[in-house]
Amino acid sequence: MNIYVGNISFRTTEEDLIDLFAQFGDVASAKIITDRETGRSRGFAFVDMDNQDEGLAAIEALNGREHMGRNLTVNEARPRQPRY
């Protein structure tokens, strides 16, 4: 299950996200989206969890929760729209 994580702190690392989501199950990967030119975090990430039920539990528990001084926005990621 691919999960969108928004409003993350610019100090957050991918390891921080893995640790946060691992409370709910196995985390396959975490990817913080960065600006192509500066390499700086854009303030959101995607976390991939293998088990749907564990992913839904993580969304339920973490959406709106404070992490590193920011209230997270956590929901199921929508499919990427094609660019024209």
PDB file of N, CA and C in Angstrom:
ATOM      1  N   MET A   1       0.846  -1.173   0.000  1.00  0.00           N
ATOM      2  CA  MET A   1       0.000   0.000   0.000  1.00  0.00           C
ATOM      3  C   MET A   1       0.890   1.235   0.000  1.00  0.00           C
ATOM      4  N   ASN A   2       0.631   2.144  -0.926  1.00  0.00           N
ATOM      5  CA  ASN A   2       1.406   3.369  -1.029  1.00  0.00           C
ATOM      6  C   ASN A   2       0.696   4.472  -0.247  1.00  0.00           C
ATOM      7  N   ILE A   3       1.425   5.108   0.666  1.00  0.00           N
ATOM      8  CA  ILE A   3       0.850   6.092   1.578  1.00  0.00           C
ATOM      9  C   ILE A   3       1.524   7.442   1.375  1.00  0.00           C
ATOM     10  N   TYR A   4       0.706   8.477   1.220  1.00  0.00           N
ATOM     11  CA  TYR A   4       1.190   9.849   1.118  1.00  0.00           C
ATOM     12  C   TYR A   4       1.347  10.418   2.522  1.00  0.00           C
ATOM     13  N   VAL A   5       2.482  11.075   2.779  1.00  0.00           N
ATOM     14  CA  VAL A   5       2.733  11.710   4.076  1.00  0.00           C
ATOM     15  C   VAL A   5       3.092  13.161   3.804  1.00  0.00           C
ATOM     16  N   GLY A   6       2.189  14.066   4.151  1.00  0.00           N
ATOM     17  CA  GLY A   6       2.409  15.483   3.885  1.00  0.00           C
ATOM     18  C   GLY A   6       2.691  16.274   5.144  1.00  0.00           C
ATOM     19  N   ASN A   7       3.184  17.501   4.926  1.00  0.00           N
ATOM     20  CA  ASN A   7       3.486  18.448   6.004  1.00  0.00           C
ATOM     21  C   ASN A   7       4.581  17.913   6.933  1.00  0.00           C
ATOM     22  N   ILE A   8       5.547  17.191   6.365  1.00  0.00           N
ATOM     23  CA  ILE A   8       6.650  16.700   7.198  1.00  0.00           C
ATOM     24  C   ILE A   8       7.665  17.816   7.420  1.00  0.00           C
ATOM     25  N   SER A   9       8.349  17.740   8.516  1.00  0.00           N
ATOM     26  CA  SER A   9       9.411  18.687   8.827  1.00  0.00           C
ATOM     27  C   SER A   9      10.546  18.520   7.815  1.00  0.00           C
ATOM     28  N   PHE A  10      11.198  19.623   7.501  1.00  0.00           N
ATOM     29  CA  PHE A  10      12.336  19.566   6.575  1.00  0.00           C
ATOM     30  C   PHE A  10      13.520  18.819   7.191  1.00  0.00           C
ATOM     31  N   ARG A  11      13.486  18.583   8.498  1.00  0.00           N
ATOM     32  CA  ARG A  11      14.542  17.825   9.184  1.00  0.00           C
ATOM     33  C   ARG A  11      14.288  16.322   9.152  1.00  0.00           C
ATOM     34  N   THR A  12      13.084  15.911   8.767  1.00  0.00           N
ATOM     35  CA  THR A  12      12.718  14.496   8.763  1.00  0.00           C
ATOM     36  C   THR A  12      13.552  13.724   7.746  1.00  0.00           C
ATOM     37  N   THR A  13      14.024  12.551   8.149  1.00  0.00           N
ATOM     38  CA  THR A  13      14.769  11.674   7.241  1.00  0.00           C
ATOM     39  C   THR A  13      13.894  10.481   6.865  1.00  0.00           C
ATOM     40  N   GLU A  14      14.318   9.768   5.842  1.00  0.00           N
ATOM     41  CA  GLU A  14      13.592   8.563   5.454  1.00  0.00           C
ATOM     42  C   GLU A  14      13.622   7.534   6.579  1.00  0.00           C
ATOM     43  N   GLU A  15      14.705   7.479   7.322  1.00  0.00           N
ATOM     44  CA  GLU A  15      14.803   6.562   8.461  1.00  0.00           C
ATOM     45  C   GLU A  15      13.791   6.934   9.546  1.00  0.00           C
ATOM     46  N   ASP A  16      13.588   8.238   9.755  1.00  0.00           N
ATOM     47  CA  ASP A  16      12.577   8.687  10.725  1.00  0.00           C
ATOM     48  C   ASP A  16      11.195   8.173  10.335  1.00  0.00           C
ATOM     49  N   LEU A  17      10.873   8.258   9.054  1.00  0.00           N
ATOM     50  CA  LEU A  17       9.569   7.794   8.585  1.00  0.00           C
ATOM     51  C   LEU A  17       9.428   6.282   8.725  1.00  0.00           C
ATOM     52  N   ILE A  18      10.484   5.564   8.396  1.00  0.00           N
ATOM     53  CA  ILE A  18      10.446   4.103   8.541  1.00  0.00           C
ATOM     54  C   ILE A  18      10.192   3.743  10.000  1.00  0.00           C
ATOM     55  N   ASP A  19      10.900   4.400  10.922  1.00  0.00           N
ATOM     56  CA  ASP A  19      10.706   4.134  12.349  1.00  0.00           C
ATOM     57  C   ASP A  19       9.280   4.465  12.791  1.00  0.00           C
ATOM     58  N   LEU A  20       8.738   5.582  12.302  1.00  0.00           N
ATOM     59  CA  LEU A  20       7.391   6.001  12.679  1.00  0.00           C
ATOM     60  C   LEU A  20       6.347   5.000  12.202  1.00  0.00           C
ATOM     61  N   PHE A  21       6.445   4.572  10.948  1.00  0.00           N
ATOM     62  CA  PHE A  21       5.446   3.670  10.376  1.00  0.00           C
ATOM     63  C   PHE A  21       5.655   2.218  10.793  1.00  0.00           C
ATOM     64  N   ALA A  22       6.854   1.851  11.213  1.00  0.00           N
ATOM     65  CA  ALA A  22       7.136   0.474  11.626  1.00  0.00           C
ATOM     66  C   ALA A  22       6.362   0.071  12.874  1.00  0.00           C
ATOM     67  N   GLN A  23       5.827   1.043  13.603  1.00  0.00           N
ATOM     68  CA  GLN A  23       4.988   0.738  14.768  1.00  0.00           C
ATOM     69  C   GLN A  23       3.733  -0.031  14.353  1.00  0.00           C
ATOM     70  N   PHE A  24       3.374   0.079  13.077  1.00  0.00           N
ATOM     71  CA  PHE A  24       2.127  -0.504  12.594  1.00  0.00           C
ATOM     72  C   PHE A  24       2.334  -1.714  11.696  1.00  0.00           C
ATOM     73  N   GLY A  25       3.581  -1.998  11.322  1.00  0.00           N
ATOM     74  CA  GLY A  25       3.852  -3.155  10.481  1.00  0.00           C
ATOM     75  C   GLY A  25       5.128  -2.976   9.676  1.00  0.00           C
ATOM     76  N   ASP A  26       5.318  -3.885   8.719  1.00  0.00           N
ATOM     77  CA  ASP A  26       6.527  -3.869   7.905  1.00  0.00           C
ATOM     78  C   ASP A  26       6.484  -2.743   6.879  1.00  0.00           C
ATOM     79  N   VAL A  27       7.542  -1.950   6.856  1.00  0.00           N
ATOM     80  CA  VAL A  27       7.667  -0.852   5.906  1.00  0.00           C
ATOM     81  C   VAL A  27       8.613  -1.306   4.795  1.00  0.00           C
ATOM     82  N   ALA A  28       8.109  -1.322   3.558  1.00  0.00           N
ATOM     83  CA  ALA A  28       8.931  -1.736   2.420  1.00  0.00           C
ATOM     84  C   ALA A  28       9.898  -0.626   2.027  1.00  0.00           C
ATOM     85  N   SER A  29       9.432   0.632   2.055  1.00  0.00           N
ATOM     86  CA  SER A  29      10.299   1.746   1.681  1.00  0.00           C
ATOM     87  C   SER A  29       9.688   3.061   2.127  1.00  0.00           C
ATOM     88  N   ALA A  30      10.540   4.082   2.169  1.00  0.00           N
ATOM     89  CA  ALA A  30      10.107   5.448   2.442  1.00  0.00           C
ATOM     90  C   ALA A  30      10.928   6.356   1.537  1.00  0.00           C
ATOM     91  N   LYS A  31      10.274   7.297   0.884  1.00  0.00           N
ATOM     92  CA  LYS A  31      10.951   8.198  -0.049  1.00  0.00           C
ATOM     93  C   LYS A  31      10.480   9.621   0.177  1.00  0.00           C
ATOM     94  N   ILE A  32      11.403  10.478   0.633  1.00  0.00           N
ATOM     95  CA  ILE A  32      11.107  11.899   0.776  1.00  0.00           C
ATOM     96  C   ILE A  32      11.320  12.544  -0.593  1.00  0.00           C
ATOM     97  N   ILE A  33      10.347  13.322  -1.021  1.00  0.00           N
ATOM     98  CA  ILE A  33      10.428  13.979  -2.321  1.00  0.00           C
ATOM     99  C   ILE A  33      11.238  15.262  -2.161  1.00  0.00           C
ATOM    100  N   THR A  34      12.234  15.424  -3.022  1.00  0.00           N
ATOM    101  CA  THR A  34      13.142  16.562  -2.928  1.00  0.00           C
ATOM    102  C   THR A  34      13.074  17.416  -4.192  1.00  0.00           C
ATOM    103  N   ASP A  35      13.464  18.661  -4.037  1.00  0.00           N
ATOM    104  CA  ASP A  35      13.562  19.583  -5.157  1.00  0.00           C
ATOM    105  C   ASP A  35      14.724  19.143  -6.057  1.00  0.00           C
ATOM    106  N   ARG A  36      14.499  19.102  -7.344  1.00  0.00           N
ATOM    107  CA  ARG A  36      15.543  18.632  -8.270  1.00  0.00           C
ATOM    108  C   ARG A  36      16.781  19.508  -8.260  1.00  0.00           C
ATOM    109  N   GLU A  37      16.596  20.802  -8.117  1.00  0.00           N
ATOM    110  CA  GLU A  37      17.736  21.717  -8.201  1.00  0.00           C
ATOM    111  C   GLU A  37      18.489  21.861  -6.886  1.00  0.00           C
ATOM    112  N   THR A  38      17.762  21.958  -5.776  1.00  0.00           N
ATOM    113  CA  THR A  38      18.426  22.202  -4.493  1.00  0.00           C
ATOM    114  C   THR A  38      18.669  20.937  -3.689  1.00  0.00           C
ATOM    115  N   GLY A  39      17.901  19.882  -3.975  1.00  0.00           N
ATOM    116  CA  GLY A  39      18.018  18.657  -3.195  1.00  0.00           C
ATOM    117  C   GLY A  39      17.319  18.739  -1.849  1.00  0.00           C
ATOM    118  N   ARG A  40      16.670  19.870  -1.564  1.00  0.00           N
ATOM    119  CA  ARG A  40      15.984  20.078  -0.283  1.00  0.00           C
ATOM    120  C   ARG A  40      14.612  19.414  -0.305  1.00  0.00           C
ATOM    121  N   SER A  41      14.196  18.915   0.834  1.00  0.00           N
ATOM    122  CA  SER A  41      12.889  18.283   0.960  1.00  0.00           C
ATOM    123  C   SER A  41      11.793  19.243   0.517  1.00  0.00           C
ATOM    124  N   ARG A  42      10.774  18.703  -0.160  1.00  0.00           N
ATOM    125  CA  ARG A  42       9.614  19.497  -0.566  1.00  0.00           C
ATOM    126  C   ARG A  42       8.497  19.412   0.470  1.00  0.00           C
ATOM    127  N   GLY A  43       8.745  18.702   1.585  1.00  0.00           N
ATOM    128  CA  GLY A  43       7.788  18.667   2.677  1.00  0.00           C
ATOM    129  C   GLY A  43       6.778  17.537   2.609  1.00  0.00           C
ATOM    130  N   PHE A  44       7.013  16.575   1.700  1.00  0.00           N
ATOM    131  CA  PHE A  44       6.138  15.416   1.666  1.00  0.00           C
ATOM    132  C   PHE A  44       6.917  14.184   1.248  1.00  0.00           C
ATOM    133  N   ALA A  45       6.303  13.027   1.488  1.00  0.00           N
ATOM    134  CA  ALA A  45       6.987  11.758   1.238  1.00  0.00           C
ATOM    135  C   ALA A  45       5.957  10.685   0.905  1.00  0.00           C
ATOM    136  N   PHE A  46       6.472   9.538   0.490  1.00  0.00           N
ATOM    137  CA  PHE A  46       5.641   8.368   0.261  1.00  0.00           C
ATOM    138  C   PHE A  46       6.239   7.202   1.038  1.00  0.00           C
ATOM    139  N   VAL A  47       5.378   6.468   1.719  1.00  0.00           N
ATOM    140  CA  VAL A  47       5.795   5.285   2.469  1.00  0.00           C
ATOM    141  C   VAL A  47       5.047   4.100   1.873  1.00  0.00           C
ATOM    142  N   ASP A  48       5.763   3.013   1.621  1.00  0.00           N
ATOM    143  CA  ASP A  48       5.156   1.816   1.053  1.00  0.00           C
ATOM    144  C   ASP A  48       5.145   0.719   2.112  1.00  0.00           C
ATOM    145  N   MET A  49       3.941   0.214   2.391  1.00  0.00           N
ATOM    146  CA  MET A  49       3.781  -0.879   3.340  1.00  0.00           C
ATOM    147  C   MET A  49       3.174  -2.064   2.597  1.00  0.00           C
ATOM    148  N   ASP A  50       3.698  -3.263   2.853  1.00  0.00           N
ATOM    149  CA  ASP A  50       3.251  -4.455   2.131  1.00  0.00           C
ATOM    150  C   ASP A  50       1.834  -4.881   2.487  1.00  0.00           C
ATOM    151  N   ASN A  51       1.440  -4.694   3.729  1.00  0.00           N
ATOM    152  CA  ASN A  51       0.153  -5.190   4.203  1.00  0.00           C
ATOM    153  C   ASN A  51      -0.873  -4.054   4.227  1.00  0.00           C
ATOM    154  N   GLN A  52      -1.993  -4.240   3.520  1.00  0.00           N
ATOM    155  CA  GLN A  52      -3.048  -3.229   3.418  1.00  0.00           C
ATOM    156  C   GLN A  52      -3.614  -2.860   4.790  1.00  0.00           C
ATOM    157  N   ASP A  53      -3.902  -3.858   5.623  1.00  0.00           N
ATOM    158  CA  ASP A  53      -4.485  -3.580   6.940  1.00  0.00           C
ATOM    159  C   ASP A  53      -3.535  -2.776   7.816  1.00  0.00           C
ATOM    160  N   GLU A  54      -2.248  -3.102   7.762  1.00  0.00           N
ATOM    161  CA  GLU A  54      -1.258  -2.354   8.535  1.00  0.00           C
ATOM    162  C   GLU A  54      -1.158  -0.919   8.023  1.00  0.00           C
ATOM    163  N   GLY A  55      -1.219  -0.756   6.709  1.00  0.00           N
ATOM    164  CA  GLY A  55      -1.186   0.578   6.122  1.00  0.00           C
ATOM    165  C   GLY A  55      -2.378   1.420   6.549  1.00  0.00           C
ATOM    166  N   LEU A  56      -3.565   0.814   6.538  1.00  0.00           N
ATOM    167  CA  LEU A  56      -4.765   1.534   6.963  1.00  0.00           C
ATOM    168  C   LEU A  56      -4.692   1.906   8.441  1.00  0.00           C
ATOM    169  N   ALA A  57      -4.131   1.020   9.260  1.00  0.00           N
ATOM    170  CA  ALA A  57      -3.965   1.320  10.688  1.00  0.00           C
ATOM    171  C   ALA A  57      -3.008   2.498  10.883  1.00  0.00           C
ATOM    172  N   ALA A  58      -1.940   2.529  10.094  1.00  0.00           N
ATOM    173  CA  ALA A  58      -0.980   3.632  10.182  1.00  0.00           C
ATOM    174  C   ALA A  58      -1.637   4.949   9.770  1.00  0.00           C
ATOM    175  N   ILE A  59      -2.419   4.931   8.696  1.00  0.00           N
ATOM    176  CA  ILE A  59      -3.112   6.139   8.251  1.00  0.00           C
ATOM    177  C   ILE A  59      -4.045   6.641   9.348  1.00  0.00           C
ATOM    178  N   GLU A  60      -4.823   5.736   9.896  1.00  0.00           N
ATOM    179  CA  GLU A  60      -5.790   6.096  10.948  1.00  0.00           C
ATOM    180  C   GLU A  60      -5.092   6.721  12.157  1.00  0.00           C
ATOM    181  N   ALA A  61      -3.977   6.135  12.564  1.00  0.00           N
ATOM    182  CA  ALA A  61      -3.288   6.584  13.772  1.00  0.00           C
ATOM    183  C   ALA A  61      -2.453   7.849  13.551  1.00  0.00           C
ATOM    184  N   LEU A  62      -1.880   8.015  12.361  1.00  0.00           N
ATOM    185  CA  LEU A  62      -0.911   9.091  12.158  1.00  0.00           C
ATOM    186  C   LEU A  62      -1.474  10.345  11.502  1.00  0.00           C
ATOM    187  N   ASN A  63      -2.605  10.256  10.839  1.00  0.00           N
ATOM    188  CA  ASN A  63      -3.164  11.441  10.197  1.00  0.00           C
ATOM    189  C   ASN A  63      -3.538  12.481  11.249  1.00  0.00           C
ATOM    190  N   GLY A  64      -2.949  13.674  11.139  1.00  0.00           N
ATOM    191  CA  GLY A  64      -3.191  14.749  12.094  1.00  0.00           C
ATOM    192  C   GLY A  64      -2.279  14.722  13.305  1.00  0.00           C
ATOM    193  N   ARG A  65      -1.485  13.676  13.446  1.00  0.00           N
ATOM    194  CA  ARG A  65      -0.588  13.546  14.607  1.00  0.00           C
ATOM    195  C   ARG A  65       0.636  14.443  14.451  1.00  0.00           C
ATOM    196  N   GLU A  66       1.083  14.977  15.562  1.00  0.00           N
ATOM    197  CA  GLU A  66       2.273  15.833  15.564  1.00  0.00           C
ATOM    198  C   GLU A  66       3.533  14.969  15.473  1.00  0.00           C
ATOM    199  N   HIS A  67       4.439  15.375  14.591  1.00  0.00           N
ATOM    200  CA  HIS A  67       5.735  14.704  14.455  1.00  0.00           C
ATOM    201  C   HIS A  67       6.765  15.769  14.110  1.00  0.00           C
ATOM    202  N   MET A  68       7.772  15.920  14.952  1.00  0.00           N
ATOM    203  CA  MET A  68       8.839  16.905  14.777  1.00  0.00           C
ATOM    204  C   MET A  68       8.281  18.322  14.609  1.00  0.00           C
ATOM    205  N   GLY A  69       7.247  18.625  15.389  1.00  0.00           N
ATOM    206  CA  GLY A  69       6.700  19.968  15.397  1.00  0.00           C
ATOM    207  C   GLY A  69       5.686  20.270  14.308  1.00  0.00           C
ATOM    208  N   ARG A  70       5.335  19.288  13.488  1.00  0.00           N
ATOM    209  CA  ARG A  70       4.362  19.504  12.400  1.00  0.00           C
ATOM    210  C   ARG A  70       3.242  18.468  12.511  1.00  0.00           C
ATOM    211  N   ASN A  71       2.023  18.872  12.187  1.00  0.00           N
ATOM    212  CA  ASN A  71       0.894  17.942  12.155  1.00  0.00           C
ATOM    213  C   ASN A  71       0.861  17.270  10.788  1.00  0.00           C
ATOM    214  N   LEU A  72       1.053  15.969  10.783  1.00  0.00           N
ATOM    215  CA  LEU A  72       1.146  15.218   9.533  1.00  0.00           C
ATOM    216  C   LEU A  72      -0.209  15.091   8.837  1.00  0.00           C
ATOM    217  N   THR A  73      -0.155  15.051   7.516  1.00  0.00           N
ATOM    218  CA  THR A  73      -1.301  14.677   6.687  1.00  0.00           C
ATOM    219  C   THR A  73      -0.948  13.316   6.110  1.00  0.00           C
ATOM    220  N   VAL A  74      -1.729  12.297   6.461  1.00  0.00           N
ATOM    221  CA  VAL A  74      -1.419  10.929   6.038  1.00  0.00           C
ATOM    222  C   VAL A  74      -2.663  10.324   5.405  1.00  0.00           C
ATOM    223  N   ASN A  75      -2.532   9.873   4.150  1.00  0.00           N
ATOM    224  CA  ASN A  75      -3.634   9.193   3.489  1.00  0.00           C
ATOM    225  C   ASN A  75      -3.114   8.290   2.376  1.00  0.00           C
ATOM    226  N   GLU A  76      -4.007   7.491   1.828  1.00  0.00           N
ATOM    227  CA  GLU A  76      -3.604   6.598   0.746  1.00  0.00           C
ATOM    228  C   GLU A  76      -3.220   7.441  -0.458  1.00  0.00           C
ATOM    229  N   ALA A  77      -2.073   7.119  -1.042  1.00  0.00           N
ATOM    230  CA  ALA A  77      -1.588   7.874  -2.197  1.00  0.00           C
ATOM    231  C   ALA A  77      -2.470   7.603  -3.405  1.00  0.00           C
ATOM    232  N   ARG A  78      -2.735   8.663  -4.154  1.00  0.00           N
ATOM    233  CA  ARG A  78      -3.473   8.520  -5.401  1.00  0.00           C
ATOM    234  C   ARG A  78      -2.494   8.151  -6.512  1.00  0.00           C
ATOM    235  N   PRO A  79      -2.960   7.459  -7.537  1.00  0.00           N
ATOM    236  CA  PRO A  79      -2.071   7.148  -8.661  1.00  0.00           C
ATOM    237  C   PRO A  79      -1.536   8.428  -9.296  1.00  0.00           C
ATOM    238  N   ARG A  80      -0.312   8.367  -9.752  1.00  0.00           N
ATOM    239  CA  ARG A  80       0.331   9.522 -10.366  1.00  0.00           C
ATOM    240  C   ARG A  80      -0.346   9.847 -11.692  1.00  0.00           C
ATOM    241  N   GLN A  81      -0.646  11.121 -11.888  1.00  0.00           N
ATOM    242  CA  GLN A  81      -1.279  11.556 -13.117  1.00  0.00           C
ATOM    243  C   GLN A  81      -0.215  11.782 -14.194  1.00  0.00           C
ATOM    244  N   PRO A  82      -0.509  11.384 -15.426  1.00  0.00           N
ATOM    245  CA  PRO A  82       0.481  11.582 -16.499  1.00  0.00           C
ATOM    246  C   PRO A  82       0.701  13.073 -16.769  1.00  0.00           C
ATOM    247  N   ARG A  83       1.939  13.439 -17.083  1.00  0.00           N
ATOM    248  CA  ARG A  83       2.269  14.817 -17.436  1.00  0.00           C
ATOM    249  C   ARG A  83       2.261  14.925 -18.948  1.00  0.00           C
ATOM    250  N   TYR A  84       1.720  16.026 -19.431  1.00  0.00           N
ATOM    251  CA  TYR A  84       1.686  16.246 -20.891  1.00  0.00           C
ATOM    252  C   TYR A  84       2.575  17.381 -21.291  1.00  0.00           C
TER     253      TYR A  84
END
